[in-house]
PDB file of N, CA and C in Angstrom:
ATOM      1  N   MET A   1     -24.914  -2.652  -8.619  1.00  0.00           N
ATOM      2  CA  MET A   1     -24.187  -1.847  -9.819  1.00  0.00           C
ATOM      3  C   MET A   1     -24.947  -2.339 -11.138  1.00  0.00           C
ATOM      4  N   PHE A   2     -25.180  -2.147 -11.994  1.00  0.00           N
ATOM      5  CA  PHE A   2     -25.389  -2.455 -13.469  1.00  0.00           C
ATOM      6  C   PHE A   2     -24.557  -2.262 -14.402  1.00  0.00           C
ATOM      7  N   ILE A   3     -24.357  -3.513 -15.015  1.00  0.00           N
ATOM      8  CA  ILE A   3     -23.068  -3.327 -15.978  1.00  0.00           C
ATOM      9  C   ILE A   3     -23.650  -3.049 -17.344  1.00  0.00           C
ATOM     10  N   LEU A   4     -23.584  -2.220 -18.181  1.00  0.00           N
ATOM     11  CA  LEU A   4     -23.848  -2.053 -19.339  1.00  0.00           C
ATOM     12  C   LEU A   4     -22.741  -2.425 -20.298  1.00  0.00           C
ATOM     13  N   ALA A   5     -22.580  -3.593 -21.151  1.00  0.00           N
ATOM     14  CA  ALA A   5     -21.631  -3.930 -22.011  1.00  0.00           C
ATOM     15  C   ALA A   5     -22.256  -3.249 -23.540  1.00  0.00           C
ATOM     16  N   ILE A   6     -21.690  -2.551 -24.351  1.00  0.00           N
ATOM     17  CA  ILE A   6     -22.478  -2.271 -25.484  1.00  0.00           C
ATOM     18  C   ILE A   6     -21.605  -2.594 -26.487  1.00  0.00           C
ATOM     19  N   ARG A   7     -22.244  -3.050 -27.696  1.00  0.00           N
ATOM     20  CA  ARG A   7     -21.903  -3.658 -28.901  1.00  0.00           C
ATOM     21  C   ARG A   7     -21.211  -2.494 -29.626  1.00  0.00           C
ATOM     22  N   HIS A   8     -21.492  -1.350 -29.697  1.00  0.00           N
ATOM     23  CA  HIS A   8     -21.316  -0.362 -30.705  1.00  0.00           C
ATOM     24  C   HIS A   8     -20.391   0.832 -30.000  1.00  0.00           C
ATOM     25  N   THR A   9     -19.293   0.315 -29.442  1.00  0.00           N
ATOM     26  CA  THR A   9     -18.571   1.504 -28.773  1.00  0.00           C
ATOM     27  C   THR A   9     -18.496   2.712 -28.864  1.00  0.00           C
ATOM     28  N   ASN A  10     -18.756   3.216 -30.369  1.00  0.00           N
ATOM     29  CA  ASN A  10     -18.920   4.648 -31.022  1.00  0.00           C
ATOM     30  C   ASN A  10     -19.766   5.244 -30.165  1.00  0.00           C
ATOM     31  N   LYS A  11     -21.126   4.530 -29.659  1.00  0.00           N
ATOM     32  CA  LYS A  11     -21.791   5.584 -28.983  1.00  0.00           C
ATOM     33  C   LYS A  11     -21.927   5.781 -27.794  1.00  0.00           C
ATOM     34  N   SER A  12     -20.691   5.444 -26.908  1.00  0.00           N
ATOM     35  CA  SER A  12     -20.252   5.482 -25.381  1.00  0.00           C
ATOM     36  C   SER A  12     -20.893   6.882 -25.026  1.00  0.00           C
ATOM     37  N   ASP A  13     -20.241   7.674 -25.911  1.00  0.00           N
ATOM     38  CA  ASP A  13     -20.628   9.181 -25.206  1.00  0.00           C
ATOM     39  C   ASP A  13     -21.989   9.101 -25.107  1.00  0.00           C
ATOM     40  N   GLU A  14     -22.716   8.698 -26.261  1.00  0.00           N
ATOM     41  CA  GLU A  14     -24.306   9.326 -26.367  1.00  0.00           C
ATOM     42  C   GLU A  14     -24.863   8.440 -24.978  1.00  0.00           C
ATOM     43  N   ILE A  15     -24.511   7.258 -24.927  1.00  0.00           N
ATOM     44  CA  ILE A  15     -24.879   6.541 -23.490  1.00  0.00           C
ATOM     45  C   ILE A  15     -24.906   6.868 -22.334  1.00  0.00           C
ATOM     46  N   LEU A  16     -23.427   7.715 -22.103  1.00  0.00           N
ATOM     47  CA  LEU A  16     -22.948   8.068 -20.836  1.00  0.00           C
ATOM     48  C   LEU A  16     -23.976   9.241 -20.668  1.00  0.00           C
ATOM     49  N   ASN A  17     -23.915  10.327 -21.816  1.00  0.00           N
ATOM     50  CA  ASN A  17     -24.812  11.730 -21.521  1.00  0.00           C
ATOM     51  C   ASN A  17     -26.251  10.890 -20.950  1.00  0.00           C
ATOM     52  N   PHE A  18     -27.195  10.188 -21.458  1.00  0.00           N
ATOM     53  CA  PHE A  18     -28.538   9.546 -21.438  1.00  0.00           C
ATOM     54  C   PHE A  18     -28.300   9.588 -19.848  1.00  0.00           C
ATOM     55  N   PHE A  19     -27.746   8.463 -19.338  1.00  0.00           N
ATOM     56  CA  PHE A  19     -27.639   8.464 -18.170  1.00  0.00           C
ATOM     57  C   PHE A  19     -27.117   9.721 -17.052  1.00  0.00           C
ATOM     58  N   THR A  20     -26.059  10.566 -17.822  1.00  0.00           N
ATOM     59  CA  THR A  20     -26.029  11.168 -16.722  1.00  0.00           C
ATOM     60  C   THR A  20     -27.207  12.588 -16.367  1.00  0.00           C
ATOM     61  N   LYS A  21     -27.691  12.415 -17.540  1.00  0.00           N
ATOM     62  CA  LYS A  21     -28.988  13.630 -17.354  1.00  0.00           C
ATOM     63  C   LYS A  21     -29.908  13.060 -16.707  1.00  0.00           C
ATOM     64  N   ASN A  22     -29.837  11.726 -16.730  1.00  0.00           N
ATOM     65  CA  ASN A  22     -30.848  10.988 -15.412  1.00  0.00           C
ATOM     66  C   ASN A  22     -30.265  10.715 -14.024  1.00  0.00           C
ATOM     67  N   ALA A  23     -29.605  11.465 -13.380  1.00  0.00           N
ATOM     68  CA  ALA A  23     -28.656  11.959 -12.418  1.00  0.00           C
ATOM     69  C   ALA A  23     -28.337  10.195 -12.001  1.00  0.00           C
ATOM     70  N   LEU A  24     -27.806   9.450 -13.175  1.00  0.00           N
ATOM     71  CA  LEU A  24     -26.879   8.489 -12.873  1.00  0.00           C
ATOM     72  C   LEU A  24     -25.163   8.498 -12.580  1.00  0.00           C
ATOM     73  N   VAL A  25     -24.926   8.002 -11.739  1.00  0.00           N
ATOM     74  CA  VAL A  25     -23.329   7.705 -11.738  1.00  0.00           C
ATOM     75  C   VAL A  25     -23.415   7.146 -12.641  1.00  0.00           C
ATOM     76  N   CYS A  26     -22.094   7.184 -13.457  1.00  0.00           N
ATOM     77  CA  CYS A  26     -21.373   6.112 -14.760  1.00  0.00           C
ATOM     78  C   CYS A  26     -19.900   6.360 -14.726  1.00  0.00           C
ATOM     79  N   LYS A  27     -19.435   4.998 -15.019  1.00  0.00           N
ATOM     80  CA  LYS A  27     -17.853   5.699 -15.479  1.00  0.00           C
ATOM     81  C   LYS A  27     -17.809   4.297 -16.251  1.00  0.00           C
ATOM     82  N   ARG A  28     -16.755   4.519 -17.063  1.00  0.00           N
ATOM     83  CA  ARG A  28     -16.477   3.784 -18.553  1.00  0.00           C
ATOM     84  C   ARG A  28     -15.133   3.049 -18.447  1.00  0.00           C
ATOM     85  N   LYS A  29     -15.269   2.289 -19.044  1.00  0.00           N
ATOM     86  CA  LYS A  29     -14.044   0.982 -18.876  1.00  0.00           C
ATOM     87  C   LYS A  29     -12.865   1.520 -19.635  1.00  0.00           C
ATOM     88  N   SER A  30     -13.377   2.122 -20.894  1.00  0.00           N
ATOM     89  CA  SER A  30     -12.337   2.528 -21.950  1.00  0.00           C
ATOM     90  C   SER A  30     -11.421   4.108 -21.306  1.00  0.00           C
ATOM     91  N   LYS A  31     -12.070   4.482 -20.426  1.00  0.00           N
ATOM     92  CA  LYS A  31     -11.356   5.680 -19.689  1.00  0.00           C
ATOM     93  C   LYS A  31     -10.879   5.557 -18.283  1.00  0.00           C
ATOM     94  N   ASN A  32     -10.965   3.924 -18.008  1.00  0.00           N
ATOM     95  CA  ASN A  32      -9.922   3.382 -16.504  1.00  0.00           C
ATOM     96  C   ASN A  32     -10.998   4.256 -15.881  1.00  0.00           C
ATOM     97  N   GLU A  33     -11.591   4.581 -15.929  1.00  0.00           N
ATOM     98  CA  GLU A  33     -12.575   4.918 -14.516  1.00  0.00           C
ATOM     99  C   GLU A  33     -12.727   3.802 -13.569  1.00  0.00           C
ATOM    100  N   SER A  34     -12.113   3.915 -12.012  1.00  0.00           N
ATOM    101  CA  SER A  34     -12.780   3.507 -10.994  1.00  0.00           C
ATOM    102  C   SER A  34     -13.875   3.575 -10.788  1.00  0.00           C
ATOM    103  N   ILE A  35     -14.447   2.190 -10.775  1.00  0.00           N
ATOM    104  CA  ILE A  35     -15.835   2.322  -9.861  1.00  0.00           C
ATOM    105  C   ILE A  35     -15.718   2.419  -8.250  1.00  0.00           C
ATOM    106  N   ASP A  36     -16.706   2.772  -7.972  1.00  0.00           N
ATOM    107  CA  ASP A  36     -17.183   3.159  -6.033  1.00  0.00           C
ATOM    108  C   ASP A  36     -18.284   2.823  -6.013  1.00  0.00           C
ATOM    109  N   ASP A  37     -18.766   2.867  -4.546  1.00  0.00           N
ATOM    110  CA  ASP A  37     -19.980   2.768  -4.184  1.00  0.00           C
ATOM    111  C   ASP A  37     -20.814   3.769  -4.562  1.00  0.00           C
ATOM    112  N   LYS A  38     -20.781   4.951  -5.019  1.00  0.00           N
ATOM    113  CA  LYS A  38     -21.531   5.721  -5.657  1.00  0.00           C
ATOM    114  C   LYS A  38     -21.848   5.337  -7.201  1.00  0.00           C
ATOM    115  N   THR A  39     -21.263   4.544  -8.053  1.00  0.00           N
ATOM    116  CA  THR A  39     -21.234   3.871  -9.384  1.00  0.00           C
ATOM    117  C   THR A  39     -22.593   3.395  -9.316  1.00  0.00           C
ATOM    118  N   ASN A  40     -23.760   4.025 -10.364  1.00  0.00           N
ATOM    119  CA  ASN A  40     -25.027   3.448 -10.756  1.00  0.00           C
ATOM    120  C   ASN A  40     -24.725   2.265 -11.758  1.00  0.00           C
ATOM    121  N   ILE A  41     -24.206   2.715 -12.527  1.00  0.00           N
ATOM    122  CA  ILE A  41     -23.520   1.997 -13.817  1.00  0.00           C
ATOM    123  C   ILE A  41     -22.365   2.183 -14.678  1.00  0.00           C
ATOM    124  N   TYR A  42     -21.519   0.866 -14.861  1.00  0.00           N
ATOM    125  CA  TYR A  42     -20.145   0.661 -15.737  1.00  0.00           C
ATOM    126  C   TYR A  42     -20.718   0.498 -17.045  1.00  0.00           C
ATOM    127  N   ILE A  43     -20.326   0.993 -17.848  1.00  0.00           N
ATOM    128  CA  ILE A  43     -20.260   1.140 -19.194  1.00  0.00           C
ATOM    129  C   ILE A  43     -18.872   0.327 -19.803  1.00  0.00           C
ATOM    130  N   PHE A  44     -19.051  -0.872 -20.263  1.00  0.00           N
ATOM    131  CA  PHE A  44     -18.432  -1.561 -20.581  1.00  0.00           C
ATOM    132  C   PHE A  44     -17.882  -1.323 -22.238  1.00  0.00           C
ATOM    133  N   ASP A  45     -17.296  -0.485 -22.503  1.00  0.00           N
ATOM    134  CA  ASP A  45     -17.192  -0.075 -23.976  1.00  0.00           C
ATOM    135  C   ASP A  45     -15.822  -0.809 -24.396  1.00  0.00           C
ATOM    136  N   GLU A  46     -15.321  -2.108 -24.163  1.00  0.00           N
ATOM    137  CA  GLU A  46     -14.070  -2.534 -24.976  1.00  0.00           C
ATOM    138  C   GLU A  46     -14.294  -3.528 -25.296  1.00  0.00           C
ATOM    139  N   MET A  47     -14.027  -3.750 -26.619  1.00  0.00           N
ATOM    140  CA  MET A  47     -14.710  -5.461 -27.389  1.00  0.00           C
ATOM    141  C   MET A  47     -13.420  -6.559 -27.144  1.00  0.00           C
ATOM    142  N   GLY A  48     -14.048  -7.690 -27.269  1.00  0.00           N
ATOM    143  CA  GLY A  48     -13.286  -8.751 -26.799  1.00  0.00           C
ATOM    144  C   GLY A  48     -13.386  -8.944 -25.255  1.00  0.00           C
ATOM    145  N   GLN A  49     -13.889  -8.836 -24.453  1.00  0.00           N
ATOM    146  CA  GLN A  49     -13.774  -9.320 -22.976  1.00  0.00           C
ATOM    147  C   GLN A  49     -15.341  -9.722 -22.469  1.00  0.00           C
ATOM    148  N   MET A  50     -15.801 -10.119 -23.520  1.00  0.00           N
ATOM    149  CA  MET A  50     -17.758 -10.054 -23.169  1.00  0.00           C
ATOM    150  C   MET A  50     -17.667 -11.495 -22.000  1.00  0.00           C
ATOM    151  N   GLY A  51     -16.819 -12.304 -22.621  1.00  0.00           N
ATOM    152  CA  GLY A  51     -16.589 -14.080 -21.588  1.00  0.00           C
ATOM    153  C   GLY A  51     -15.934 -13.621 -20.115  1.00  0.00           C
ATOM    154  N   THR A  52     -15.568 -12.809 -19.851  1.00  0.00           N
ATOM    155  CA  THR A  52     -14.948 -12.509 -18.788  1.00  0.00           C
ATOM    156  C   THR A  52     -16.177 -11.586 -17.905  1.00  0.00           C
ATOM    157  N   LEU A  53     -17.202 -11.055 -18.635  1.00  0.00           N
ATOM    158  CA  LEU A  53     -18.259 -10.395 -18.013  1.00  0.00           C
ATOM    159  C   LEU A  53     -19.146 -11.525 -17.888  1.00  0.00           C
ATOM    160  N   PHE A  54     -19.428 -12.368 -18.478  1.00  0.00           N
ATOM    161  CA  PHE A  54     -20.001 -13.534 -18.555  1.00  0.00           C
ATOM    162  C   PHE A  54     -19.835 -14.502 -17.568  1.00  0.00           C
ATOM    163  N   GLU A  55     -18.628 -14.497 -16.779  1.00  0.00           N
ATOM    164  CA  GLU A  55     -18.105 -15.345 -15.754  1.00  0.00           C
ATOM    165  C   GLU A  55     -18.551 -14.769 -14.788  1.00  0.00           C
ATOM    166  N   LEU A  56     -18.102 -13.559 -14.498  1.00  0.00           N
ATOM    167  CA  LEU A  56     -18.350 -12.525 -13.294  1.00  0.00           C
ATOM    168  C   LEU A  56     -19.687 -12.279 -12.971  1.00  0.00           C
ATOM    169  N   SER A  57     -20.628 -12.192 -13.817  1.00  0.00           N
ATOM    170  CA  SER A  57     -22.015 -11.535 -13.797  1.00  0.00           C
ATOM    171  C   SER A  57     -23.010 -12.684 -13.120  1.00  0.00           C
ATOM    172  N   ASP A  58     -23.981 -12.383 -12.168  1.00  0.00           N
ATOM    173  CA  ASP A  58     -25.117 -13.378 -11.609  1.00  0.00           C
ATOM    174  C   ASP A  58     -25.806 -13.564 -12.908  1.00  0.00           C
ATOM    175  N   ILE A  59     -26.339 -12.567 -13.297  1.00  0.00           N
ATOM    176  CA  ILE A  59     -27.864 -12.713 -14.364  1.00  0.00           C
ATOM    177  C   ILE A  59     -26.914 -11.993 -16.035  1.00  0.00           C
ATOM    178  N   VAL A  60     -27.194 -12.147 -16.860  1.00  0.00           N
ATOM    179  CA  VAL A  60     -26.847 -11.414 -17.652  1.00  0.00           C
ATOM    180  C   VAL A  60     -28.428 -11.324 -18.826  1.00  0.00           C
ATOM    181  N   LEU A  61     -28.471 -10.364 -19.423  1.00  0.00           N
ATOM    182  CA  LEU A  61     -29.824 -10.271 -20.659  1.00  0.00           C
ATOM    183  C   LEU A  61     -29.239  -9.497 -21.726  1.00  0.00           C
ATOM    184  N   MET A  62     -29.043 -10.707 -23.264  1.00  0.00           N
ATOM    185  CA  MET A  62     -28.969 -10.123 -24.481  1.00  0.00           C
ATOM    186  C   MET A  62     -30.002  -9.330 -24.405  1.00  0.00           C
ATOM    187  N   ALA A  63     -29.921  -8.087 -24.561  1.00  0.00           N
ATOM    188  CA  ALA A  63     -31.311  -7.683 -24.776  1.00  0.00           C
ATOM    189  C   ALA A  63     -31.597  -7.346 -26.271  1.00  0.00           C
ATOM    190  N   GLY A  64     -30.786  -7.362 -27.523  1.00  0.00           N
ATOM    191  CA  GLY A  64     -31.299  -8.033 -28.853  1.00  0.00           C
ATOM    192  C   GLY A  64     -32.098  -9.229 -28.807  1.00  0.00           C
ATOM    193  N   SER A  65     -32.099 -10.080 -27.854  1.00  0.00           N
ATOM    194  CA  SER A  65     -32.996 -11.502 -28.008  1.00  0.00           C
ATOM    195  C   SER A  65     -34.587 -10.573 -27.813  1.00  0.00           C
ATOM    196  N   LEU A  66     -34.591  -9.773 -27.329  1.00  0.00           N
ATOM    197  CA  LEU A  66     -35.780  -9.114 -26.756  1.00  0.00           C
ATOM    198  C   LEU A  66     -36.585  -8.222 -28.294  1.00  0.00           C
ATOM    199  N   VAL A  67     -36.118  -8.031 -29.161  1.00  0.00           N
ATOM    200  CA  VAL A  67     -36.686  -7.115 -30.056  1.00  0.00           C
ATOM    201  C   VAL A  67     -36.404  -8.282 -31.720  1.00  0.00           C
ATOM    202  N   ASP A  68     -37.564  -7.845 -32.044  1.00  0.00           N
ATOM    203  CA  ASP A  68     -37.839  -8.995 -33.578  1.00  0.00           C
ATOM    204  C   ASP A  68     -36.841  -7.933 -34.770  1.00  0.00           C
ATOM    205  N   LYS A  69     -36.723  -8.994 -35.443  1.00  0.00           N
ATOM    206  CA  LYS A  69     -35.826  -8.776 -36.500  1.00  0.00           C
ATOM    207  C   LYS A  69     -34.083  -8.246 -36.132  1.00  0.00           C
ATOM    208  N   ILE A  70     -34.003  -8.583 -34.829  1.00  0.00           N
ATOM    209  CA  ILE A  70     -32.348  -7.913 -34.768  1.00  0.00           C
ATOM    210  C   ILE A  70     -31.263  -9.188 -35.006  1.00  0.00           C
ATOM    211  N   GLY A  71     -31.465 -10.195 -34.795  1.00  0.00           N
ATOM    212  CA  GLY A  71     -30.742 -11.423 -34.763  1.00  0.00           C
ATOM    213  C   GLY A  71     -29.616 -11.671 -33.940  1.00  0.00           C
ATOM    214  N   GLY A  72     -29.089 -12.765 -33.663  1.00  0.00           N
ATOM    215  CA  GLY A  72     -27.777 -13.133 -33.577  1.00  0.00           C
ATOM    216  C   GLY A  72     -27.572 -12.441 -31.904  1.00  0.00           C
ATOM    217  N   HIS A  73     -28.713 -12.526 -31.409  1.00  0.00           N
ATOM    218  CA  HIS A  73     -28.586 -12.687 -29.701  1.00  0.00           C
ATOM    219  C   HIS A  73     -29.230 -13.806 -29.065  1.00  0.00           C
ATOM    220  N   THR A  74     -28.477 -14.244 -28.254  1.00  0.00           N
ATOM    221  CA  THR A  74     -28.697 -15.683 -27.764  1.00  0.00           C
ATOM    222  C   THR A  74     -29.105 -15.247 -26.086  1.00  0.00           C
ATOM    223  N   PRO A  75     -30.616 -15.253 -25.588  1.00  0.00           N
ATOM    224  CA  PRO A  75     -30.558 -15.095 -24.181  1.00  0.00           C
ATOM    225  C   PRO A  75     -30.042 -16.002 -23.327  1.00  0.00           C
TER     226      PRO A  75
END
């Protein structure tokens, strides 16, 4: 399963719609939706818990570090 922690939580619906249109099963943390074996993407759309995600993850990619002039993201 892929966990997507979004910085702009107001875009949660837009992100969910994008993945759902592409036949992926998504669940959202803010909606307290339970994940299961069919969940492809878990959208972590709550603030203040990034440290917990870092501890639970084997691999972390801070995507803003890949884009010029974004700044503030450390890979």
